[in-house]
């Protein structure tokens, strides 16, 4: 016997904080921007990030 499928999808509000899909997507995008920035700094200065910051 086939299970009945619902005719409507319930509207669920996204939480404003905590682990949910939007927060994880935003965190991933921020990480990609940060990584690309570090690669660009190393490419244009010819030195690594720690050297550029004066830590080595």
PDB file of N, CA and C in Angstrom:
ATOM      1  N   UNK A   1       0.847  -1.179   0.000  1.00  0.00           N
ATOM      2  CA  UNK A   1       0.000   0.000   0.000  1.00  0.00           C
ATOM      3  C   UNK A   1       0.893   1.243   0.000  1.00  0.00           C
ATOM      4  N   UNK A   2       0.630   2.172  -0.896  1.00  0.00           N
ATOM      5  CA  UNK A   2       1.438   3.384  -1.020  1.00  0.00           C
ATOM      6  C   UNK A   2       1.064   4.380   0.073  1.00  0.00           C
ATOM      7  N   UNK A   3       2.088   5.076   0.542  1.00  0.00           N
ATOM      8  CA  UNK A   3       1.850   6.110   1.554  1.00  0.00           C
ATOM      9  C   UNK A   3       1.294   7.354   0.877  1.00  0.00           C
ATOM     10  N   UNK A   4       0.330   8.013   1.514  1.00  0.00           N
ATOM     11  CA  UNK A   4      -0.204   9.246   0.913  1.00  0.00           C
ATOM     12  C   UNK A   4       0.827  10.374   1.016  1.00  0.00           C
ATOM     13  N   UNK A   5       0.872  11.205  -0.008  1.00  0.00           N
ATOM     14  CA  UNK A   5       1.786  12.353   0.020  1.00  0.00           C
ATOM     15  C   UNK A   5       1.004  13.597   0.402  1.00  0.00           C
ATOM     16  N   UNK A   6       1.632  14.496   1.168  1.00  0.00           N
ATOM     17  CA  UNK A   6       0.918  15.713   1.562  1.00  0.00           C
ATOM     18  C   UNK A   6       0.665  16.622   0.360  1.00  0.00           C
ATOM     19  N   UNK A   7      -0.424  17.336   0.398  1.00  0.00           N
ATOM     20  CA  UNK A   7      -0.780  18.207  -0.721  1.00  0.00           C
ATOM     21  C   UNK A   7      -0.108  19.575  -0.603  1.00  0.00           C
ATOM     22  N   UNK A   8       0.287  19.973   0.608  1.00  0.00           N
ATOM     23  CA  UNK A   8       0.977  21.255   0.798  1.00  0.00           C
ATOM     24  C   UNK A   8       2.240  21.027   1.625  1.00  0.00           C
ATOM     25  N   UNK A   9       3.192  21.911   1.444  1.00  0.00           N
ATOM     26  CA  UNK A   9       4.429  21.863   2.216  1.00  0.00           C
ATOM     27  C   UNK A   9       4.321  22.899   3.324  1.00  0.00           C
ATOM     28  N   UNK A  10       4.549  22.507   4.565  1.00  0.00           N
ATOM     29  CA  UNK A  10       4.414  23.473   5.660  1.00  0.00           C
ATOM     30  C   UNK A  10       5.498  24.548   5.594  1.00  0.00           C
ATOM     31  N   UNK A  11       5.132  25.775   5.950  1.00  0.00           N
ATOM     32  CA  UNK A  11       6.084  26.885   5.981  1.00  0.00           C
ATOM     33  C   UNK A  11       6.796  26.856   7.335  1.00  0.00           C
ATOM     34  N   UNK A  12       8.112  26.675   7.288  1.00  0.00           N
ATOM     35  CA  UNK A  12       8.907  26.609   8.506  1.00  0.00           C
ATOM     36  C   UNK A  12       9.819  27.826   8.542  1.00  0.00           C
ATOM     37  N   UNK A  13       9.786  28.575   9.624  1.00  0.00           N
ATOM     38  CA  UNK A  13      10.642  29.745   9.761  1.00  0.00           C
ATOM     39  C   UNK A  13      12.061  29.305  10.085  1.00  0.00           C
ATOM     40  N   UNK A  14      13.046  29.953   9.438  1.00  0.00           N
ATOM     41  CA  UNK A  14      14.446  29.663   9.715  1.00  0.00           C
ATOM     42  C   UNK A  14      14.839  30.322  11.041  1.00  0.00           C
ATOM     43  N   UNK A  15      15.612  29.629  11.868  1.00  0.00           N
ATOM     44  CA  UNK A  15      16.082  30.261  13.103  1.00  0.00           C
ATOM     45  C   UNK A  15      17.076  31.372  12.782  1.00  0.00           C
ATOM     46  N   UNK A  16      17.170  32.357  13.654  1.00  0.00           N
ATOM     47  CA  UNK A  16      18.059  33.493  13.428  1.00  0.00           C
ATOM     48  C   UNK A  16      19.479  33.214  13.897  1.00  0.00           C
ATOM     49  N   UNK A  17      19.703  32.151  14.630  1.00  0.00           N
ATOM     50  CA  UNK A  17      21.040  31.819  15.117  1.00  0.00           C
ATOM     51  C   UNK A  17      21.163  30.305  15.231  1.00  0.00           C
ATOM     52  N   UNK A  18      22.389  29.824  15.407  1.00  0.00           N
ATOM     53  CA  UNK A  18      22.613  28.393  15.551  1.00  0.00           C
ATOM     54  C   UNK A  18      23.007  27.751  14.229  1.00  0.00           C
ATOM     55  N   UNK A  19      23.092  26.438  14.250  1.00  0.00           N
ATOM     56  CA  UNK A  19      23.485  25.685  13.058  1.00  0.00           C
ATOM     57  C   UNK A  19      22.264  25.439  12.185  1.00  0.00           C
ATOM     58  N   UNK A  20      22.221  26.102  11.076  1.00  0.00           N
ATOM     59  CA  UNK A  20      21.184  25.839  10.085  1.00  0.00           C
ATOM     60  C   UNK A  20      21.777  26.104   8.707  1.00  0.00           C
ATOM     61  N   UNK A  21      21.035  25.814   7.683  1.00  0.00           N
ATOM     62  CA  UNK A  21      21.559  25.818   6.318  1.00  0.00           C
ATOM     63  C   UNK A  21      22.130  27.171   5.909  1.00  0.00           C
ATOM     64  N   UNK A  22      21.444  28.262   6.228  1.00  0.00           N
ATOM     65  CA  UNK A  22      21.921  29.581   5.800  1.00  0.00           C
ATOM     66  C   UNK A  22      23.229  29.945   6.489  1.00  0.00           C
ATOM     67  N   UNK A  23      23.354  29.663   7.775  1.00  0.00           N
ATOM     68  CA  UNK A  23      24.581  29.990   8.500  1.00  0.00           C
ATOM     69  C   UNK A  23      25.764  29.206   7.943  1.00  0.00           C
ATOM     70  N   UNK A  24      25.562  27.947   7.627  1.00  0.00           N
ATOM     71  CA  UNK A  24      26.640  27.132   7.079  1.00  0.00           C
ATOM     72  C   UNK A  24      27.032  27.617   5.683  1.00  0.00           C
ATOM     73  N   UNK A  25      26.061  28.016   4.883  1.00  0.00           N
ATOM     74  CA  UNK A  25      26.354  28.533   3.550  1.00  0.00           C
ATOM     75  C   UNK A  25      27.135  29.837   3.641  1.00  0.00           C
ATOM     76  N   UNK A  26      26.733  30.725   4.542  1.00  0.00           N
ATOM     77  CA  UNK A  26      27.428  31.999   4.728  1.00  0.00           C
ATOM     78  C   UNK A  26      28.846  31.780   5.226  1.00  0.00           C
ATOM     79  N   UNK A  27      29.048  30.851   6.146  1.00  0.00           N
ATOM     80  CA  UNK A  27      30.372  30.540   6.657  1.00  0.00           C
ATOM     81  C   UNK A  27      31.265  29.999   5.546  1.00  0.00           C
ATOM     82  N   UNK A  28      30.750  29.157   4.702  1.00  0.00           N
ATOM     83  CA  UNK A  28      31.520  28.622   3.587  1.00  0.00           C
ATOM     84  C   UNK A  28      31.929  29.701   2.608  1.00  0.00           C
ATOM     85  N   UNK A  29      31.032  30.615   2.336  1.00  0.00           N
ATOM     86  CA  UNK A  29      31.355  31.717   1.415  1.00  0.00           C
ATOM     87  C   UNK A  29      32.419  32.625   2.005  1.00  0.00           C
ATOM     88  N   UNK A  30      32.324  32.915   3.296  1.00  0.00           N
ATOM     89  CA  UNK A  30      33.332  33.753   3.952  1.00  0.00           C
ATOM     90  C   UNK A  30      34.699  33.074   3.929  1.00  0.00           C
ATOM     91  N   UNK A  31      34.725  31.769   4.117  1.00  0.00           N
ATOM     92  CA  UNK A  31      35.987  31.029   4.067  1.00  0.00           C
ATOM     93  C   UNK A  31      36.594  31.087   2.668  1.00  0.00           C
ATOM     94  N   UNK A  32      35.769  30.969   1.627  1.00  0.00           N
ATOM     95  CA  UNK A  32      36.284  31.035   0.262  1.00  0.00           C
ATOM     96  C   UNK A  32      36.847  32.417  -0.057  1.00  0.00           C
ATOM     97  N   UNK A  33      36.177  33.466   0.401  1.00  0.00           N
ATOM     98  CA  UNK A  33      36.671  34.825   0.178  1.00  0.00           C
ATOM     99  C   UNK A  33      37.992  35.027   0.914  1.00  0.00           C
ATOM    100  N   UNK A  34      38.073  34.545   2.151  1.00  0.00           N
ATOM    101  CA  UNK A  34      39.308  34.674   2.921  1.00  0.00           C
ATOM    102  C   UNK A  34      40.459  33.925   2.271  1.00  0.00           C
ATOM    103  N   UNK A  35      40.213  32.724   1.794  1.00  0.00           N
ATOM    104  CA  UNK A  35      41.261  31.946   1.145  1.00  0.00           C
ATOM    105  C   UNK A  35      41.738  32.636  -0.128  1.00  0.00           C
ATOM    106  N   UNK A  36      40.807  33.143  -0.932  1.00  0.00           N
ATOM    107  CA  UNK A  36      41.177  33.835  -2.165  1.00  0.00           C
ATOM    108  C   UNK A  36      41.981  35.095  -1.856  1.00  0.00           C
ATOM    109  N   UNK A  37      41.641  35.791  -0.781  1.00  0.00           N
ATOM    110  CA  UNK A  37      42.382  36.984  -0.377  1.00  0.00           C
ATOM    111  C   UNK A  37      43.805  36.634   0.018  1.00  0.00           C
ATOM    112  N   UNK A  38      43.982  35.571   0.776  1.00  0.00           N
ATOM    113  CA  UNK A  38      45.322  35.148   1.188  1.00  0.00           C
ATOM    114  C   UNK A  38      46.158  34.762  -0.027  1.00  0.00           C
ATOM    115  N   UNK A  39      45.566  34.034  -0.969  1.00  0.00           N
ATOM    116  CA  UNK A  39      46.294  33.653  -2.180  1.00  0.00           C
ATOM    117  C   UNK A  39      46.684  34.899  -2.973  1.00  0.00           C
ATOM    118  N   UNK A  40      45.794  35.878  -3.070  1.00  0.00           N
ATOM    119  CA  UNK A  40      46.096  37.112  -3.801  1.00  0.00           C
ATOM    120  C   UNK A  40      47.226  37.886  -3.112  1.00  0.00           C
ATOM    121  N   UNK A  41      47.212  37.969  -1.792  1.00  0.00           N
ATOM    122  CA  UNK A  41      48.282  38.656  -1.054  1.00  0.00           C
ATOM    123  C   UNK A  41      49.624  37.988  -1.325  1.00  0.00           C
ATOM    124  N   UNK A  42      49.654  36.664  -1.271  1.00  0.00           N
ATOM    125  CA  UNK A  42      50.910  35.954  -1.519  1.00  0.00           C
ATOM    126  C   UNK A  42      51.367  36.140  -2.962  1.00  0.00           C
ATOM    127  N   UNK A  43      50.456  36.175  -3.897  1.00  0.00           N
ATOM    128  CA  UNK A  43      50.827  36.337  -5.307  1.00  0.00           C
ATOM    129  C   UNK A  43      51.387  37.731  -5.575  1.00  0.00           C
ATOM    130  N   UNK A  44      50.715  38.769  -5.094  1.00  0.00           N
ATOM    131  CA  UNK A  44      51.126  40.133  -5.404  1.00  0.00           C
ATOM    132  C   UNK A  44      52.337  40.604  -4.603  1.00  0.00           C
ATOM    133  N   UNK A  45      52.529  40.104  -3.385  1.00  0.00           N
ATOM    134  CA  UNK A  45      53.680  40.539  -2.588  1.00  0.00           C
ATOM    135  C   UNK A  45      54.881  39.628  -2.767  1.00  0.00           C
ATOM    136  N   UNK A  46      54.673  38.407  -3.214  1.00  0.00           N
ATOM    137  CA  UNK A  46      55.774  37.471  -3.383  1.00  0.00           C
ATOM    138  C   UNK A  46      56.237  36.868  -2.065  1.00  0.00           C
ATOM    139  N   UNK A  47      55.515  37.114  -0.990  1.00  0.00           N
ATOM    140  CA  UNK A  47      55.860  36.574   0.322  1.00  0.00           C
ATOM    141  C   UNK A  47      54.626  35.867   0.890  1.00  0.00           C
ATOM    142  N   UNK A  48      54.870  34.989   1.832  1.00  0.00           N
ATOM    143  CA  UNK A  48      53.779  34.295   2.480  1.00  0.00           C
ATOM    144  C   UNK A  48      53.023  35.213   3.432  1.00  0.00           C
ATOM    145  N   UNK A  49      51.872  34.766   3.871  1.00  0.00           N
ATOM    146  CA  UNK A  49      51.016  35.594   4.725  1.00  0.00           C
ATOM    147  C   UNK A  49      51.699  35.931   6.044  1.00  0.00           C
ATOM    148  N   UNK A  50      52.320  34.953   6.693  1.00  0.00           N
ATOM    149  CA  UNK A  50      52.978  35.217   7.975  1.00  0.00           C
ATOM    150  C   UNK A  50      54.140  36.180   7.814  1.00  0.00           C
ATOM    151  N   UNK A  51      54.872  36.054   6.719  1.00  0.00           N
ATOM    152  CA  UNK A  51      55.957  36.977   6.444  1.00  0.00           C
ATOM    153  C   UNK A  51      55.416  38.376   6.159  1.00  0.00           C
ATOM    154  N   UNK A  52      54.330  38.454   5.432  1.00  0.00           N
ATOM    155  CA  UNK A  52      53.711  39.741   5.106  1.00  0.00           C
ATOM    156  C   UNK A  52      53.211  40.449   6.364  1.00  0.00           C
ATOM    157  N   UNK A  53      52.733  39.649   7.332  1.00  0.00           N
ATOM    158  CA  UNK A  53      52.259  40.228   8.593  1.00  0.00           C
ATOM    159  C   UNK A  53      53.404  40.536   9.556  1.00  0.00           C
ATOM    160  N   UNK A  54      54.619  40.112   9.232  1.00  0.00           N
ATOM    161  CA  UNK A  54      55.762  40.372  10.073  1.00  0.00           C
ATOM    162  C   UNK A  54      55.914  39.400  11.223  1.00  0.00           C
ATOM    163  N   UNK A  55      55.346  38.216  11.115  1.00  0.00           N
ATOM    164  CA  UNK A  55      55.404  37.235  12.195  1.00  0.00           C
ATOM    165  C   UNK A  55      56.561  36.253  12.052  1.00  0.00           C
ATOM    166  N   UNK A  56      57.237  36.252  10.906  1.00  0.00           N
ATOM    167  CA  UNK A  56      58.384  35.346  10.739  1.00  0.00           C
ATOM    168  C   UNK A  56      59.617  36.116  10.369  1.00  0.00           C
TER     169      UNK A  56
END
